[in-house]
Amino acid sequence: VNTQLADISYVALWEKCVKAALEQEALF
């Protein structure tokens, strides 16, 4: 949703919780 305003958008996650997000590489 933030891409309505920002050119680049990020999700910041705690390092121990990043693996689950990285497993969704295609979705991101």
PDB file of all heavy atoms in Angstrom:
ATOM      1  N   VAL A   1       0.842  -1.200   0.000  1.00  0.00           N
ATOM      2  CA  VAL A   1       0.000   0.000   0.000  1.00  0.00           C
ATOM      3  C   VAL A   1       0.879   1.253   0.000  1.00  0.00           C
ATOM      4  O   VAL A   1       0.568   2.245  -0.652  1.00  0.00           O
ATOM      5  CB  VAL A   1      -0.968  -0.005   1.207  1.00  0.00           C
ATOM      6  CG1 VAL A   1      -1.694   1.327   1.335  1.00  0.00           C
ATOM      7  CG2 VAL A   1      -1.969  -1.145   1.071  1.00  0.00           C
ATOM      8  N   ASN A   2       2.005   1.196   0.699  1.00  0.00           N
ATOM      9  CA  ASN A   2       2.904   2.353   0.803  1.00  0.00           C
ATOM     10  C   ASN A   2       3.464   2.796  -0.541  1.00  0.00           C
ATOM     11  O   ASN A   2       3.911   3.930  -0.676  1.00  0.00           O
ATOM     12  CB  ASN A   2       4.061   2.057   1.749  1.00  0.00           C
ATOM     13  CG  ASN A   2       3.607   1.880   3.179  1.00  0.00           C
ATOM     14  OD1 ASN A   2       2.458   2.145   3.522  1.00  0.00           O
ATOM     15  ND2 ASN A   2       4.504   1.409   4.020  1.00  0.00           N
ATOM     16  N   THR A   3       3.440   1.917  -1.538  1.00  0.00           N
ATOM     17  CA  THR A   3       3.964   2.295  -2.847  1.00  0.00           C
ATOM     18  C   THR A   3       3.078   3.338  -3.534  1.00  0.00           C
ATOM     19  O   THR A   3       3.450   3.855  -4.576  1.00  0.00           O
ATOM     20  CB  THR A   3       4.160   1.072  -3.772  1.00  0.00           C
ATOM     21  OG1 THR A   3       2.897   0.454  -4.013  1.00  0.00           O
ATOM     22  CG2 THR A   3       5.139   0.079  -3.172  1.00  0.00           C
ATOM     23  N   GLN A   4       1.939   3.668  -2.942  1.00  0.00           N
ATOM     24  CA  GLN A   4       1.138   4.793  -3.447  1.00  0.00           C
ATOM     25  C   GLN A   4       1.882   6.103  -3.209  1.00  0.00           C
ATOM     26  O   GLN A   4       1.662   7.075  -3.924  1.00  0.00           O
ATOM     27  CB  GLN A   4      -0.211   4.846  -2.750  1.00  0.00           C
ATOM     28  CG  GLN A   4      -1.112   3.696  -3.058  1.00  0.00           C
ATOM     29  CD  GLN A   4      -2.385   3.757  -2.232  1.00  0.00           C
ATOM     30  OE1 GLN A   4      -2.900   4.838  -1.948  1.00  0.00           O
ATOM     31  NE2 GLN A   4      -2.895   2.605  -1.853  1.00  0.00           N
ATOM     32  N   LEU A   5       2.776   6.122  -2.214  1.00  0.00           N
ATOM     33  CA  LEU A   5       3.524   7.326  -1.867  1.00  0.00           C
ATOM     34  C   LEU A   5       5.027   7.145  -2.072  1.00  0.00           C
ATOM     35  O   LEU A   5       5.697   8.031  -2.576  1.00  0.00           O
ATOM     36  CB  LEU A   5       3.247   7.716  -0.403  1.00  0.00           C
ATOM     37  CG  LEU A   5       3.985   8.924   0.140  1.00  0.00           C
ATOM     38  CD1 LEU A   5       3.639  10.184  -0.661  1.00  0.00           C
ATOM     39  CD2 LEU A   5       3.631   9.130   1.605  1.00  0.00           C
ATOM     40  N   ALA A   6       5.555   6.012  -1.675  1.00  0.00           N
ATOM     41  CA  ALA A   6       6.999   5.771  -1.741  1.00  0.00           C
ATOM     42  C   ALA A   6       7.387   5.091  -3.051  1.00  0.00           C
ATOM     43  O   ALA A   6       6.665   4.235  -3.554  1.00  0.00           O
ATOM     44  CB  ALA A   6       7.438   4.905  -0.564  1.00  0.00           C
ATOM     45  N   ASP A   7       8.553   5.493  -3.565  1.00  0.00           N
ATOM     46  CA  ASP A   7       9.067   4.851  -4.780  1.00  0.00           C
ATOM     47  C   ASP A   7       9.551   3.437  -4.474  1.00  0.00           C
ATOM     48  O   ASP A   7       9.377   2.526  -5.281  1.00  0.00           O
ATOM     49  CB  ASP A   7      10.223   5.675  -5.351  1.00  0.00           C
ATOM     50  CG  ASP A   7       9.781   7.067  -5.737  1.00  0.00           C
ATOM     51  OD1 ASP A   7       8.865   7.188  -6.566  1.00  0.00           O
ATOM     52  OD2 ASP A   7      10.344   8.039  -5.200  1.00  0.00           O
ATOM     53  N   ILE A   8      10.179   3.274  -3.320  1.00  0.00           N
ATOM     54  CA  ILE A   8      10.705   1.978  -2.884  1.00  0.00           C
ATOM     55  C   ILE A   8      10.114   1.683  -1.514  1.00  0.00           C
ATOM     56  O   ILE A   8      10.074   2.560  -0.649  1.00  0.00           O
ATOM     57  CB  ILE A   8      12.249   1.999  -2.749  1.00  0.00           C
ATOM     58  CG1 ILE A   8      12.914   2.504  -4.023  1.00  0.00           C
ATOM     59  CG2 ILE A   8      12.785   0.644  -2.322  1.00  0.00           C
ATOM     60  CD1 ILE A   8      13.028   1.499  -5.119  1.00  0.00           C
ATOM     61  N   SER A   9       9.671   0.459  -1.309  1.00  0.00           N
ATOM     62  CA  SER A   9       9.061   0.097  -0.036  1.00  0.00           C
ATOM     63  C   SER A   9       9.746  -1.147   0.537  1.00  0.00           C
ATOM     64  O   SER A   9      10.057  -2.085  -0.202  1.00  0.00           O
ATOM     65  CB  SER A   9       7.565  -0.162  -0.239  1.00  0.00           C
ATOM     66  OG  SER A   9       6.900  -0.250   0.993  1.00  0.00           O
ATOM     67  N   TYR A  10       9.968  -1.100   1.853  1.00  0.00           N
ATOM     68  CA  TYR A  10      10.631  -2.201   2.552  1.00  0.00           C
ATOM     69  C   TYR A  10       9.808  -2.662   3.739  1.00  0.00           C
ATOM     70  O   TYR A  10       9.037  -1.901   4.322  1.00  0.00           O
ATOM     71  CB  TYR A  10      12.003  -1.761   3.095  1.00  0.00           C
ATOM     72  CG  TYR A  10      13.054  -1.580   2.040  1.00  0.00           C
ATOM     73  CD1 TYR A  10      13.304  -0.330   1.493  1.00  0.00           C
ATOM     74  CD2 TYR A  10      13.809  -2.666   1.592  1.00  0.00           C
ATOM     75  CE1 TYR A  10      14.277  -0.152   0.519  1.00  0.00           C
ATOM     76  CE2 TYR A  10      14.784  -2.497   0.621  1.00  0.00           C
ATOM     77  CZ  TYR A  10      15.005  -1.237   0.091  1.00  0.00           C
ATOM     78  OH  TYR A  10      15.965  -1.076  -0.869  1.00  0.00           O
ATOM     79  N   VAL A  11      10.052  -3.915   4.115  1.00  0.00           N
ATOM     80  CA  VAL A  11       9.574  -4.503   5.353  1.00  0.00           C
ATOM     81  C   VAL A  11      10.815  -4.720   6.200  1.00  0.00           C
ATOM     82  O   VAL A  11      11.787  -5.315   5.730  1.00  0.00           O
ATOM     83  CB  VAL A  11       8.879  -5.859   5.067  1.00  0.00           C
ATOM     84  CG1 VAL A  11       8.680  -6.655   6.329  1.00  0.00           C
ATOM     85  CG2 VAL A  11       7.575  -5.646   4.335  1.00  0.00           C
ATOM     86  N   ALA A  12      10.806  -4.223   7.437  1.00  0.00           N
ATOM     87  CA  ALA A  12      11.926  -4.448   8.356  1.00  0.00           C
ATOM     88  C   ALA A  12      11.479  -5.448   9.414  1.00  0.00           C
ATOM     89  O   ALA A  12      10.495  -5.225  10.115  1.00  0.00           O
ATOM     90  CB  ALA A  12      12.364  -3.140   9.014  1.00  0.00           C
ATOM     91  N   LEU A  13      12.198  -6.558   9.490  1.00  0.00           N
ATOM     92  CA  LEU A  13      11.872  -7.636  10.421  1.00  0.00           C
ATOM     93  C   LEU A  13      13.065  -7.942  11.314  1.00  0.00           C
ATOM     94  O   LEU A  13      14.215  -7.746  10.910  1.00  0.00           O
ATOM     95  CB  LEU A  13      11.505  -8.909   9.648  1.00  0.00           C
ATOM     96  CG  LEU A  13      10.308  -8.821   8.701  1.00  0.00           C
ATOM     97  CD1 LEU A  13      10.296 -10.003   7.753  1.00  0.00           C
ATOM     98  CD2 LEU A  13       9.021  -8.764   9.505  1.00  0.00           C
ATOM     99  N   TRP A  14      12.772  -8.459  12.496  1.00  0.00           N
ATOM    100  CA  TRP A  14      13.835  -8.886  13.386  1.00  0.00           C
ATOM    101  C   TRP A  14      14.603 -10.017  12.715  1.00  0.00           C
ATOM    102  O   TRP A  14      14.011 -10.889  12.067  1.00  0.00           O
ATOM    103  CB  TRP A  14      13.253  -9.329  14.726  1.00  0.00           C
ATOM    104  CG  TRP A  14      14.279  -9.630  15.751  1.00  0.00           C
ATOM    105  CD1 TRP A  14      14.500 -10.844  16.339  1.00  0.00           C
ATOM    106  CD2 TRP A  14      15.241  -8.740  16.318  1.00  0.00           C
ATOM    107  NE1 TRP A  14      15.541 -10.753  17.234  1.00  0.00           N
ATOM    108  CE2 TRP A  14      16.011  -9.469  17.245  1.00  0.00           C
ATOM    109  CE3 TRP A  14      15.528  -7.399  16.121  1.00  0.00           C
ATOM    110  CZ2 TRP A  14      17.047  -8.898  17.970  1.00  0.00           C
ATOM    111  CZ3 TRP A  14      16.560  -6.827  16.853  1.00  0.00           C
ATOM    112  CH2 TRP A  14      17.304  -7.578  17.762  1.00  0.00           C
ATOM    113  N   GLU A  15      15.911 -10.008  12.835  1.00  0.00           N
ATOM    114  CA  GLU A  15      16.795 -10.935  12.110  1.00  0.00           C
ATOM    115  C   GLU A  15      16.391 -12.399  12.237  1.00  0.00           C
ATOM    116  O   GLU A  15      16.500 -13.158  11.282  1.00  0.00           O
ATOM    117  CB  GLU A  15      18.238 -10.746  12.568  1.00  0.00           C
ATOM    118  CG  GLU A  15      18.468 -11.120  14.020  1.00  0.00           C
ATOM    119  CD  GLU A  15      19.902 -10.926  14.468  1.00  0.00           C
ATOM    120  OE1 GLU A  15      20.794 -10.772  13.623  1.00  0.00           O
ATOM    121  OE2 GLU A  15      20.119 -10.933  15.683  1.00  0.00           O
ATOM    122  N   LYS A  16      15.912 -12.807  13.390  1.00  0.00           N
ATOM    123  CA  LYS A  16      15.538 -14.216  13.597  1.00  0.00           C
ATOM    124  C   LYS A  16      14.223 -14.577  12.928  1.00  0.00           C
ATOM    125  O   LYS A  16      13.877 -15.742  12.841  1.00  0.00           O
ATOM    126  CB  LYS A  16      15.480 -14.528  15.093  1.00  0.00           C
ATOM    127  CG  LYS A  16      16.843 -14.455  15.736  1.00  0.00           C
ATOM    128  CD  LYS A  16      16.791 -14.719  17.207  1.00  0.00           C
ATOM    129  CE  LYS A  16      18.222 -14.615  17.737  1.00  0.00           C
ATOM    130  NZ  LYS A  16      18.305 -14.431  19.150  1.00  0.00           N
ATOM    131  N   CYS A  17      13.506 -13.564  12.439  1.00  0.00           N
ATOM    132  CA  CYS A  17      12.204 -13.790  11.811  1.00  0.00           C
ATOM    133  C   CYS A  17      12.227 -13.544  10.301  1.00  0.00           C
ATOM    134  O   CYS A  17      11.203 -13.691   9.637  1.00  0.00           O
ATOM    135  CB  CYS A  17      11.161 -12.890  12.465  1.00  0.00           C
ATOM    136  SG  CYS A  17      11.036 -13.119  14.247  1.00  0.00           S
ATOM    137  N   VAL A  18      13.379 -13.203   9.769  1.00  0.00           N
ATOM    138  CA  VAL A  18      13.502 -12.862   8.347  1.00  0.00           C
ATOM    139  C   VAL A  18      13.382 -14.093   7.449  1.00  0.00           C
ATOM    140  O   VAL A  18      12.860 -14.011   6.340  1.00  0.00           O
ATOM    141  CB  VAL A  18      14.835 -12.115   8.087  1.00  0.00           C
ATOM    142  CG1 VAL A  18      15.144 -12.017   6.615  1.00  0.00           C
ATOM    143  CG2 VAL A  18      14.787 -10.739   8.710  1.00  0.00           C
ATOM    144  N   LYS A  19      13.822 -15.248   7.924  1.00  0.00           N
ATOM    145  CA  LYS A  19      13.846 -16.450   7.087  1.00  0.00           C
ATOM    146  C   LYS A  19      12.471 -16.765   6.491  1.00  0.00           C
ATOM    147  O   LYS A  19      12.359 -17.088   5.311  1.00  0.00           O
ATOM    148  CB  LYS A  19      14.354 -17.643   7.900  1.00  0.00           C
ATOM    149  CG  LYS A  19      14.507 -18.889   7.078  1.00  0.00           C
ATOM    150  CD  LYS A  19      15.069 -20.048   7.892  1.00  0.00           C
ATOM    151  CE  LYS A  19      15.234 -21.237   6.992  1.00  0.00           C
ATOM    152  NZ  LYS A  19      14.700 -22.452   7.545  1.00  0.00           N
ATOM    153  N   ALA A  20      11.422 -16.635   7.294  1.00  0.00           N
ATOM    154  CA  ALA A  20      10.072 -16.931   6.794  1.00  0.00           C
ATOM    155  C   ALA A  20       9.694 -16.008   5.637  1.00  0.00           C
ATOM    156  O   ALA A  20       9.071 -16.442   4.672  1.00  0.00           O
ATOM    157  CB  ALA A  20       9.059 -16.805   7.930  1.00  0.00           C
ATOM    158  N   ALA A  21      10.088 -14.737   5.726  1.00  0.00           N
ATOM    159  CA  ALA A  21       9.796 -13.796   4.644  1.00  0.00           C
ATOM    160  C   ALA A  21      10.621 -14.125   3.408  1.00  0.00           C
ATOM    161  O   ALA A  21      10.119 -14.066   2.281  1.00  0.00           O
ATOM    162  CB  ALA A  21      10.057 -12.369   5.107  1.00  0.00           C
ATOM    163  N   LEU A  22      11.893 -14.469   3.603  1.00  0.00           N
ATOM    164  CA  LEU A  22      12.752 -14.787   2.460  1.00  0.00           C
ATOM    165  C   LEU A  22      12.285 -16.042   1.721  1.00  0.00           C
ATOM    166  O   LEU A  22      12.556 -16.195   0.536  1.00  0.00           O
ATOM    167  CB  LEU A  22      14.200 -14.944   2.915  1.00  0.00           C
ATOM    168  CG  LEU A  22      14.901 -13.636   3.278  1.00  0.00           C
ATOM    169  CD1 LEU A  22      16.285 -13.911   3.866  1.00  0.00           C
ATOM    170  CD2 LEU A  22      14.993 -12.710   2.082  1.00  0.00           C
ATOM    171  N   GLU A  23      11.570 -16.913   2.411  1.00  0.00           N
ATOM    172  CA  GLU A  23      11.006 -18.097   1.753  1.00  0.00           C
ATOM    173  C   GLU A  23       9.886 -17.711   0.787  1.00  0.00           C
ATOM    174  O   GLU A  23       9.464 -18.518  -0.040  1.00  0.00           O
ATOM    175  CB  GLU A  23      10.499 -19.091   2.797  1.00  0.00           C
ATOM    176  CG  GLU A  23      11.628 -19.760   3.566  1.00  0.00           C
ATOM    177  CD  GLU A  23      11.159 -20.609   4.729  1.00  0.00           C
ATOM    178  OE1 GLU A  23       9.941 -20.609   5.045  1.00  0.00           O
ATOM    179  OE2 GLU A  23      12.017 -21.263   5.339  1.00  0.00           O
ATOM    180  N   GLN A  24       9.410 -16.484   0.895  1.00  0.00           N
ATOM    181  CA  GLN A  24       8.358 -15.968   0.010  1.00  0.00           C
ATOM    182  C   GLN A  24       8.933 -14.992  -1.016  1.00  0.00           C
ATOM    183  O   GLN A  24       8.297 -14.011  -1.384  1.00  0.00           O
ATOM    184  CB  GLN A  24       7.271 -15.292   0.851  1.00  0.00           C
ATOM    185  CG  GLN A  24       6.644 -16.180   1.883  1.00  0.00           C
ATOM    186  CD  GLN A  24       5.964 -17.380   1.263  1.00  0.00           C
ATOM    187  OE1 GLN A  24       5.323 -17.286   0.220  1.00  0.00           O
ATOM    188  NE2 GLN A  24       6.108 -18.534   1.900  1.00  0.00           N
ATOM    189  N   GLU A  25      10.139 -15.252  -1.470  1.00  0.00           N
ATOM    190  CA  GLU A  25      10.865 -14.378  -2.398  1.00  0.00           C
ATOM    191  C   GLU A  25      10.018 -13.985  -3.607  1.00  0.00           C
ATOM    192  O   GLU A  25       9.979 -12.816  -3.994  1.00  0.00           O
ATOM    193  CB  GLU A  25      12.145 -15.084  -2.861  1.00  0.00           C
ATOM    194  CG  GLU A  25      12.963 -14.313  -3.853  1.00  0.00           C
ATOM    195  CD  GLU A  25      13.767 -13.191  -3.225  1.00  0.00           C
ATOM    196  OE1 GLU A  25      14.047 -13.262  -2.033  1.00  0.00           O
ATOM    197  OE2 GLU A  25      14.086 -12.234  -3.958  1.00  0.00           O
ATOM    198  N   ALA A  26       9.323 -14.921  -4.207  1.00  0.00           N
ATOM    199  CA  ALA A  26       8.521 -14.633  -5.399  1.00  0.00           C
ATOM    200  C   ALA A  26       7.387 -13.662  -5.072  1.00  0.00           C
ATOM    201  O   ALA A  26       7.086 -12.759  -5.865  1.00  0.00           O
ATOM    202  CB  ALA A  26       7.963 -15.919  -5.993  1.00  0.00           C
ATOM    203  N   LEU A  27       6.779 -13.817  -3.918  1.00  0.00           N
ATOM    204  CA  LEU A  27       5.687 -12.942  -3.520  1.00  0.00           C
ATOM    205  C   LEU A  27       6.192 -11.519  -3.282  1.00  0.00           C
ATOM    206  O   LEU A  27       5.619 -10.552  -3.805  1.00  0.00           O
ATOM    207  CB  LEU A  27       5.025 -13.490  -2.248  1.00  0.00           C
ATOM    208  CG  LEU A  27       3.760 -12.789  -1.777  1.00  0.00           C
ATOM    209  CD1 LEU A  27       2.682 -12.803  -2.861  1.00  0.00           C
ATOM    210  CD2 LEU A  27       3.249 -13.450  -0.510  1.00  0.00           C
ATOM    211  N   PHE A  28       7.281 -11.381  -2.547  1.00  0.00           N
ATOM    212  CA  PHE A  28       7.864 -10.064  -2.333  1.00  0.00           C
ATOM    213  C   PHE A  28       8.298  -9.454  -3.664  1.00  0.00           C
ATOM    214  O   PHE A  28       8.103  -8.270  -3.910  1.00  0.00           O
ATOM    215  CB  PHE A  28       9.054 -10.136  -1.361  1.00  0.00           C
ATOM    216  CG  PHE A  28       8.640 -10.130   0.086  1.00  0.00           C
ATOM    217  CD1 PHE A  28       8.234 -11.289   0.722  1.00  0.00           C
ATOM    218  CD2 PHE A  28       8.662  -8.946   0.815  1.00  0.00           C
ATOM    219  CE1 PHE A  28       7.850 -11.281   2.052  1.00  0.00           C
ATOM    220  CE2 PHE A  28       8.292  -8.921   2.151  1.00  0.00           C
ATOM    221  CZ  PHE A  28       7.870 -10.098   2.768  1.00  0.00           C
TER     222      PHE A  28
END
